């Protein structure tokens, strides 16, 4: 298994991976929604606001993860980890956790201070994410599942409250993702 940054020519295969993975687990409508989100993130987000990492097995992309800039009124370097997908045939083998750790290590090397995600605390807790209240760090839009707002410091510090609002990249600025 090879973990690496994606290349511009990988976009179509990455979008297909997200569409299939989410269709298999959540239904065709969710697969289409997340496939379209992934396409928008990869094609409409400024390069300095996006990291995309992949897991490859025999020249096939079997996992992918995206990180997009999350902006606060203060000068903190933060990124949102979403979406994450591992091909259905490769799930349950630790690939997702290894891919997340690979991505977080790359963010650390690029002096990112905080990583966020919005999902299952039990799963993401295995890779260092902890629930965080919006009184400490406000989400960009109203959360339908506040227990799923998670963060971790990438610089080893305790997470301090950041006053004010946050903003996500344009592709994520839609209520259906929150």
Protein backbone atom coordinates (compact mmCIF):
# COMPACT_ATOMS: atom_id res chain seq x y z
CA UNK A 1 0.00 0.00 0.00
CA UNK A 2 1.38 3.37 -1.05
CA UNK A 3 0.28 6.63 0.60
CA UNK A 4 0.96 9.83 -1.32
CA UNK A 5 -0.39 13.23 -2.31
CA UNK A 6 -2.82 13.09 -5.21
CA UNK A 7 -1.94 14.43 -8.65
CA UNK A 8 -4.18 16.54 -10.94
CA UNK A 9 -4.75 13.53 -13.21
CA UNK A 10 -6.24 11.57 -10.27
CA UNK A 11 -9.41 13.69 -10.00
CA UNK A 12 -11.76 11.45 -12.00
CA UNK A 13 -10.67 8.29 -10.16
CA UNK A 14 -10.94 10.00 -6.75
CA UNK A 15 -14.45 11.31 -7.48
CA UNK A 16 -15.52 7.83 -8.64
CA UNK A 17 -14.11 6.32 -5.43
CA UNK A 18 -16.11 8.70 -3.22
CA UNK A 19 -19.28 8.21 -5.25
CA UNK A 20 -19.04 4.41 -5.11
CA UNK A 21 -18.00 4.20 -1.46
CA UNK A 22 -20.78 6.48 -0.22
CA UNK A 23 -23.35 4.86 -2.54
CA UNK A 24 -22.42 1.43 -1.15
CA UNK A 25 -22.70 2.54 2.47
CA UNK A 26 -25.33 5.32 2.45
CA UNK A 27 -27.28 4.90 -0.80
CA UNK A 28 -27.09 6.33 -4.32
CA UNK A 29 -28.32 9.80 -3.33
CA UNK A 30 -25.55 10.21 -0.73
CA UNK A 31 -23.00 8.82 -3.19
CA UNK A 32 -23.97 11.44 -5.74
CA UNK A 33 -23.91 14.22 -3.10
CA UNK A 34 -20.43 13.31 -1.83
CA UNK A 35 -19.14 12.62 -5.35
CA UNK A 36 -20.24 16.11 -6.42
CA UNK A 37 -18.75 17.65 -3.26
CA UNK A 38 -15.42 15.94 -3.97
CA UNK A 39 -15.42 17.18 -7.56
CA UNK A 40 -16.13 20.74 -6.42
CA UNK A 41 -13.44 20.57 -3.75
CA UNK A 42 -10.82 19.26 -6.17
CA UNK A 43 -11.62 21.62 -9.04
CA UNK A 44 -12.83 24.83 -7.39
CA UNK A 45 -10.69 25.16 -4.24
CA UNK A 46 -7.50 27.22 -4.38
CA UNK A 47 -4.43 24.97 -4.20
CA UNK A 48 -3.19 26.64 -1.00
CA UNK A 49 -6.52 25.77 0.66
CA UNK A 50 -6.54 22.07 -0.26
CA UNK A 51 -4.62 18.90 0.50
CA UNK A 52 -5.67 15.59 -1.05
CA UNK A 53 -4.00 12.30 -0.16
CA UNK A 54 -4.53 8.85 -1.60
CA UNK A 55 -3.87 5.21 -0.82
CA UNK A 56 -2.89 3.14 -3.86
CA UNK A 57 -2.74 -0.60 -4.30
CA UNK A 58 -1.36 -1.88 -7.63
CA UNK A 59 -1.91 1.50 -9.36
CA UNK A 60 -5.56 1.67 -8.19
CA UNK A 61 -6.69 4.39 -5.80
CA UNK A 62 -8.38 2.54 -2.93
CA UNK A 63 -8.62 5.39 -0.43
CA UNK A 64 -8.63 9.17 -0.38
CA UNK A 65 -8.87 11.99 2.09
CA UNK A 66 -9.28 15.73 1.60
CA UNK A 67 -8.33 18.59 3.90
CA UNK A 68 -9.59 22.12 3.20
CA UNK A 69 -8.75 25.35 4.94
CA UNK A 70 -10.91 26.44 7.84
CA UNK A 71 -10.54 30.16 8.53
CA UNK A 72 -11.02 31.94 11.82
CA UNK A 73 -10.97 35.62 12.69
CA UNK A 74 -7.62 35.01 14.42
CA UNK A 75 -4.48 33.94 12.59
CA UNK A 76 -4.64 30.19 13.28
CA UNK A 77 -3.71 27.66 10.57
CA UNK A 78 -6.54 25.12 10.55
CA UNK A 79 -7.89 22.54 8.09
CA UNK A 80 -11.08 20.50 7.92
CA UNK A 81 -10.68 16.80 7.16
CA UNK A 82 -13.58 15.70 4.95
CA UNK A 83 -14.56 13.69 3.12
CA UNK A 84 -12.73 10.40 3.73
CA UNK A 85 -13.30 7.22 1.70
CA UNK A 86 -11.85 3.73 1.49
CA UNK A 87 -13.09 1.47 -1.30
CA UNK A 88 -15.66 -1.00 0.02
CA UNK A 89 -13.45 -4.00 -0.86
CA UNK A 90 -10.59 -2.58 1.25
CA UNK A 91 -12.49 -1.51 4.37
CA UNK A 92 -11.74 -3.04 7.77
CA UNK A 93 -8.00 -3.34 7.07
CA UNK A 94 -6.80 -0.16 8.81
CA UNK A 95 -6.26 1.71 5.55
CA UNK A 96 -8.50 4.63 6.59
CA UNK A 97 -6.65 5.16 9.87
CA UNK A 98 -3.24 4.94 8.16
CA UNK A 99 -4.38 7.38 5.47
CA UNK A 100 -5.66 9.84 8.10
CA UNK A 101 -2.38 9.62 10.04
CA UNK A 102 -0.43 10.13 6.80
CA UNK A 103 -2.52 13.24 6.03
CA UNK A 104 -2.19 14.66 9.54
CA UNK A 105 1.59 14.11 9.47
CA UNK A 106 1.75 16.08 6.21
CA UNK A 107 -0.30 18.90 7.71
CA UNK A 108 2.11 19.03 10.69
CA UNK A 109 5.06 19.32 8.29
CA UNK A 110 3.26 22.29 6.70
CA UNK A 111 2.84 24.04 10.08
CA UNK A 112 -0.91 23.51 10.33
CA UNK A 113 -1.93 23.96 13.97
CA UNK A 114 -5.43 22.48 14.17
CA UNK A 115 -7.31 19.75 12.33
CA UNK A 116 -11.09 19.43 12.44
CA UNK A 117 -13.57 16.88 11.21
CA UNK A 118 -17.29 16.30 11.46
CA UNK A 119 -18.26 12.69 11.97
CA UNK A 120 -18.31 9.66 14.25
CA UNK A 121 -16.41 10.42 17.48
CA UNK A 122 -15.78 6.70 18.06
CA UNK A 123 -14.02 6.24 14.71
CA UNK A 124 -12.15 9.54 14.57
CA UNK A 125 -11.18 9.26 18.24
CA UNK A 126 -8.89 6.38 17.17
CA UNK A 127 -6.74 8.89 15.27
CA UNK A 128 -6.62 11.62 17.90
CA UNK A 129 -9.75 13.68 17.29
CA UNK A 130 -11.78 14.75 20.32
CA UNK A 131 -15.23 16.29 20.62
CA UNK A 132 -15.07 20.07 20.84
CA UNK A 133 -17.88 22.41 21.76
CA UNK A 134 -18.82 25.31 19.58
CA UNK A 135 -18.19 27.59 22.56
CA UNK A 136 -14.51 26.71 22.08
CA UNK A 137 -14.37 26.59 18.27
CA UNK A 138 -17.40 27.59 16.22
CA UNK A 139 -18.33 25.54 13.15
CA UNK A 140 -18.88 27.45 9.88
CA UNK A 141 -22.58 26.49 9.68
CA UNK A 142 -25.22 25.10 12.04
CA UNK A 143 -24.40 21.53 13.04
CA UNK A 144 -27.16 18.92 12.83
CA UNK A 145 -25.02 16.53 14.89
CA UNK A 146 -23.05 18.70 17.40
CA UNK A 147 -21.49 15.59 18.99
CA UNK A 148 -19.66 15.03 15.70
CA UNK A 149 -17.72 18.33 15.78
CA UNK A 150 -14.18 17.12 16.47
CA UNK A 151 -10.71 18.64 16.59
CA UNK A 152 -7.11 17.96 17.48
CA UNK A 153 -4.03 20.07 17.97
CA UNK A 154 -1.21 19.24 15.58
CA UNK A 155 1.34 21.17 17.63
CA UNK A 156 0.82 19.35 20.92
CA UNK A 157 -0.87 22.23 22.69
CA UNK A 158 -4.20 22.08 24.44
CA UNK A 159 -6.86 23.57 22.21
CA UNK A 160 -7.64 27.08 23.36
CA UNK A 161 -10.93 28.82 22.55
CA UNK A 162 -10.89 30.90 19.37
CA UNK A 163 -13.39 33.75 19.53
CA UNK A 164 -15.56 34.69 16.59
CA UNK A 165 -16.88 32.87 13.56
CA UNK A 166 -15.17 30.43 11.23
CA UNK A 167 -15.43 30.07 7.46
CA UNK A 168 -15.01 27.03 5.25
CA UNK A 169 -14.11 26.83 1.57
CA UNK A 170 -16.97 27.59 -0.82
CA UNK A 171 -17.76 23.96 -1.72
CA UNK A 172 -18.52 23.21 1.95
CA UNK A 173 -20.59 26.36 2.47
CA UNK A 174 -23.89 24.45 2.17
CA UNK A 175 -26.16 23.41 5.03
CA UNK A 176 -26.56 19.81 3.76
CA UNK A 177 -22.95 19.02 4.70
CA UNK A 178 -23.37 20.21 8.27
